[in-house]
Amino acid sequence: MTTTAEIPHGSPEMLCHELASTAAAAAFHADMAAQYAAVGNVAGALYALRCLIACTKAAAGHGRDLHALKQAEEFA
């Protein structure tokens, strides 16, 4: 297994790793928001939703970077 220290920064592999990590965090926060809402914990649900939004924005950014990198490689 490759550690992140062995993956070159800015490489497609690193971007895929970061995308997977932030998408997993988004899924975790979505589940937490649902669980908090199910038990009536409004503050917890709203906090988890804010975390979900932040993780989703970060994952989308990694996706954009990966897409741009792949397009640049096609034209190189």
N, C-alpha and C. Protein backbone atom coordinates (compact mmCIF):
# COMPACT_ATOMS: atom_id res chain seq x y z
N MET A 1 0.84 -1.18 0.00
CA MET A 1 0.00 0.00 0.00
C MET A 1 0.89 1.25 0.00
N THR A 2 0.53 2.21 -0.79
CA THR A 2 1.28 3.45 -0.90
C THR A 2 0.78 4.45 0.14
N THR A 3 1.72 5.08 0.85
CA THR A 3 1.32 6.13 1.79
C THR A 3 1.27 7.45 1.04
N THR A 4 0.58 8.42 1.62
CA THR A 4 0.47 9.71 0.96
C THR A 4 1.83 10.41 0.86
N ALA A 5 2.77 10.06 1.74
CA ALA A 5 4.11 10.65 1.68
C ALA A 5 4.85 10.22 0.43
N GLU A 6 4.44 9.08 -0.14
CA GLU A 6 5.10 8.56 -1.34
C GLU A 6 4.46 9.03 -2.64
N ILE A 7 3.33 9.72 -2.53
CA ILE A 7 2.61 10.17 -3.73
C ILE A 7 3.02 11.62 -4.02
N PRO A 8 3.47 11.91 -5.24
CA PRO A 8 3.87 13.28 -5.58
C PRO A 8 2.70 14.27 -5.45
N HIS A 9 2.98 15.40 -4.82
CA HIS A 9 1.96 16.44 -4.66
C HIS A 9 1.51 16.94 -6.03
N GLY A 10 0.19 17.08 -6.21
CA GLY A 10 -0.35 17.59 -7.46
C GLY A 10 -0.53 16.53 -8.53
N SER A 11 -0.19 15.29 -8.20
CA SER A 11 -0.33 14.20 -9.18
C SER A 11 -1.79 13.73 -9.21
N PRO A 12 -2.18 13.06 -10.28
CA PRO A 12 -3.54 12.50 -10.33
C PRO A 12 -3.81 11.55 -9.16
N GLU A 13 -2.79 10.79 -8.76
CA GLU A 13 -2.95 9.86 -7.64
C GLU A 13 -3.27 10.60 -6.34
N MET A 14 -2.57 11.70 -6.10
CA MET A 14 -2.82 12.48 -4.88
C MET A 14 -4.20 13.11 -4.93
N LEU A 15 -4.57 13.64 -6.09
CA LEU A 15 -5.90 14.25 -6.21
C LEU A 15 -7.00 13.20 -6.01
N CYS A 16 -6.79 12.00 -6.54
CA CYS A 16 -7.78 10.93 -6.33
C CYS A 16 -7.86 10.55 -4.85
N HIS A 17 -6.70 10.50 -4.19
CA HIS A 17 -6.69 10.19 -2.76
C HIS A 17 -7.46 11.26 -1.97
N GLU A 18 -7.20 12.52 -2.26
CA GLU A 18 -7.88 13.60 -1.56
C GLU A 18 -9.38 13.62 -1.87
N LEU A 19 -9.73 13.35 -3.11
CA LEU A 19 -11.14 13.27 -3.49
C LEU A 19 -11.83 12.17 -2.72
N ALA A 20 -11.22 10.99 -2.65
CA ALA A 20 -11.80 9.88 -1.91
C ALA A 20 -11.95 10.21 -0.43
N SER A 21 -10.94 10.86 0.13
CA SER A 21 -10.96 11.22 1.54
C SER A 21 -12.06 12.22 1.86
N THR A 22 -12.18 13.27 1.06
CA THR A 22 -13.19 14.29 1.34
C THR A 22 -14.60 13.78 1.03
N ALA A 23 -14.74 12.90 0.03
CA ALA A 23 -16.05 12.32 -0.25
C ALA A 23 -16.48 11.41 0.90
N ALA A 24 -15.54 10.67 1.46
CA ALA A 24 -15.86 9.82 2.61
C ALA A 24 -16.26 10.67 3.82
N ALA A 25 -15.58 11.78 4.02
CA ALA A 25 -15.93 12.67 5.12
C ALA A 25 -17.33 13.26 4.90
N ALA A 26 -17.65 13.61 3.66
CA ALA A 26 -18.99 14.13 3.35
C ALA A 26 -20.05 13.08 3.66
N ALA A 27 -19.79 11.83 3.29
CA ALA A 27 -20.74 10.76 3.58
C ALA A 27 -20.93 10.59 5.09
N PHE A 28 -19.84 10.68 5.83
CA PHE A 28 -19.92 10.58 7.29
C PHE A 28 -20.81 11.69 7.86
N HIS A 29 -20.58 12.92 7.42
CA HIS A 29 -21.35 14.05 7.95
C HIS A 29 -22.81 13.98 7.51
N ALA A 30 -23.08 13.46 6.33
CA ALA A 30 -24.47 13.28 5.89
C ALA A 30 -25.17 12.29 6.81
N ASP A 31 -24.49 11.20 7.14
CA ASP A 31 -25.07 10.21 8.06
C ASP A 31 -25.29 10.81 9.44
N MET A 32 -24.32 11.58 9.91
CA MET A 32 -24.48 12.21 11.23
C MET A 32 -25.65 13.19 11.24
N ALA A 33 -25.80 13.98 10.18
CA ALA A 33 -26.92 14.91 10.11
C ALA A 33 -28.24 14.16 10.18
N ALA A 34 -28.34 13.05 9.47
CA ALA A 34 -29.56 12.25 9.49
C ALA A 34 -29.82 11.68 10.88
N GLN A 35 -28.77 11.21 11.54
CA GLN A 35 -28.94 10.64 12.87
C GLN A 35 -29.33 11.71 13.89
N TYR A 36 -28.69 12.86 13.83
CA TYR A 36 -29.06 13.95 14.74
C TYR A 36 -30.50 14.39 14.51
N ALA A 37 -30.90 14.52 13.25
CA ALA A 37 -32.26 14.94 12.94
C ALA A 37 -33.27 13.90 13.43
N ALA A 38 -32.93 12.63 13.30
CA ALA A 38 -33.84 11.56 13.71
C ALA A 38 -34.14 11.59 15.20
N VAL A 39 -33.17 12.03 15.99
CA VAL A 39 -33.39 12.09 17.45
C VAL A 39 -33.79 13.49 17.92
N GLY A 40 -33.96 14.41 16.96
CA GLY A 40 -34.42 15.75 17.30
C GLY A 40 -33.34 16.71 17.77
N ASN A 41 -32.08 16.39 17.53
CA ASN A 41 -30.99 17.27 17.92
C ASN A 41 -30.74 18.26 16.77
N VAL A 42 -31.43 19.38 16.83
CA VAL A 42 -31.37 20.36 15.75
C VAL A 42 -29.97 20.96 15.62
N ALA A 43 -29.37 21.33 16.74
CA ALA A 43 -28.04 21.93 16.70
C ALA A 43 -27.03 20.97 16.08
N GLY A 44 -27.07 19.72 16.47
CA GLY A 44 -26.17 18.73 15.92
C GLY A 44 -26.40 18.51 14.44
N ALA A 45 -27.67 18.47 14.03
CA ALA A 45 -28.01 18.28 12.62
C ALA A 45 -27.51 19.46 11.78
N LEU A 46 -27.70 20.66 12.27
CA LEU A 46 -27.26 21.84 11.52
C LEU A 46 -25.74 21.91 11.43
N TYR A 47 -25.06 21.55 12.51
CA TYR A 47 -23.60 21.54 12.49
C TYR A 47 -23.09 20.49 11.50
N ALA A 48 -23.68 19.30 11.54
CA ALA A 48 -23.28 18.24 10.62
C ALA A 48 -23.54 18.65 9.16
N LEU A 49 -24.62 19.38 8.93
CA LEU A 49 -24.90 19.86 7.58
C LEU A 49 -23.85 20.87 7.11
N ARG A 50 -23.42 21.75 8.00
CA ARG A 50 -22.36 22.70 7.64
C ARG A 50 -21.07 21.97 7.30
N CYS A 51 -20.75 20.94 8.07
CA CYS A 51 -19.57 20.12 7.79
C CYS A 51 -19.73 19.39 6.46
N LEU A 52 -20.93 18.87 6.20
CA LEU A 52 -21.21 18.19 4.93
C LEU A 52 -20.99 19.13 3.76
N ILE A 53 -21.47 20.35 3.86
CA ILE A 53 -21.31 21.33 2.78
C ILE A 53 -19.83 21.64 2.56
N ALA A 54 -19.08 21.83 3.64
CA ALA A 54 -17.65 22.12 3.52
C ALA A 54 -16.91 20.96 2.85
N CYS A 55 -17.22 19.73 3.26
CA CYS A 55 -16.56 18.57 2.66
C CYS A 55 -16.94 18.40 1.19
N THR A 56 -18.21 18.66 0.88
CA THR A 56 -18.67 18.54 -0.50
C THR A 56 -17.99 19.58 -1.39
N LYS A 57 -17.86 20.80 -0.90
CA LYS A 57 -17.16 21.84 -1.66
C LYS A 57 -15.70 21.46 -1.88
N ALA A 58 -15.06 20.91 -0.86
CA ALA A 58 -13.66 20.50 -0.99
C ALA A 58 -13.53 19.36 -2.00
N ALA A 59 -14.44 18.38 -1.93
CA ALA A 59 -14.40 17.26 -2.88
C ALA A 59 -14.63 17.76 -4.30
N ALA A 60 -15.55 18.70 -4.48
CA ALA A 60 -15.81 19.27 -5.81
C ALA A 60 -14.56 19.98 -6.33
N GLY A 61 -13.86 20.68 -5.45
CA GLY A 61 -12.62 21.35 -5.84
C GLY A 61 -11.56 20.36 -6.29
N HIS A 62 -11.44 19.25 -5.57
CA HIS A 62 -10.48 18.21 -5.98
C HIS A 62 -10.89 17.62 -7.33
N GLY A 63 -12.20 17.45 -7.52
CA GLY A 63 -12.68 16.94 -8.80
C GLY A 63 -12.37 17.89 -9.95
N ARG A 64 -12.56 19.19 -9.72
CA ARG A 64 -12.23 20.18 -10.74
C ARG A 64 -10.74 20.16 -11.07
N ASP A 65 -9.92 20.08 -10.03
CA ASP A 65 -8.47 20.04 -10.24
C ASP A 65 -8.07 18.79 -11.02
N LEU A 66 -8.66 17.66 -10.67
CA LEU A 66 -8.35 16.40 -11.36
C LEU A 66 -8.80 16.47 -12.82
N HIS A 67 -9.96 17.04 -13.06
CA HIS A 67 -10.46 17.19 -14.43
C HIS A 67 -9.53 18.09 -15.25
N ALA A 68 -9.12 19.21 -14.67
CA ALA A 68 -8.22 20.13 -15.37
C ALA A 68 -6.88 19.47 -15.66
N LEU A 69 -6.37 18.70 -14.71
CA LEU A 69 -5.10 18.01 -14.89
C LEU A 69 -5.21 16.98 -16.01
N LYS A 70 -6.28 16.24 -16.03
CA LYS A 70 -6.47 15.23 -17.08
C LYS A 70 -6.61 15.88 -18.44
N GLN A 71 -7.32 17.01 -18.52
CA GLN A 71 -7.45 17.71 -19.81
C GLN A 71 -6.10 18.24 -20.26
N ALA A 72 -5.30 18.76 -19.35
CA ALA A 72 -3.98 19.28 -19.69
C ALA A 72 -3.08 18.16 -20.20
N GLU A 73 -3.20 16.98 -19.61
CA GLU A 73 -2.39 15.84 -20.06
C GLU A 73 -2.79 15.39 -21.45
N GLU A 74 -4.06 15.49 -21.78
CA GLU A 74 -4.54 15.08 -23.11
C GLU A 74 -3.99 16.00 -24.21
N PHE A 75 -3.81 17.28 -23.88
CA PHE A 75 -3.35 18.24 -24.87
C PHE A 75 -1.83 18.41 -24.88
N ALA A 76 -1.16 17.77 -23.96
CA ALA A 76 0.30 17.90 -23.88
C ALA A 76 1.01 17.01 -24.88
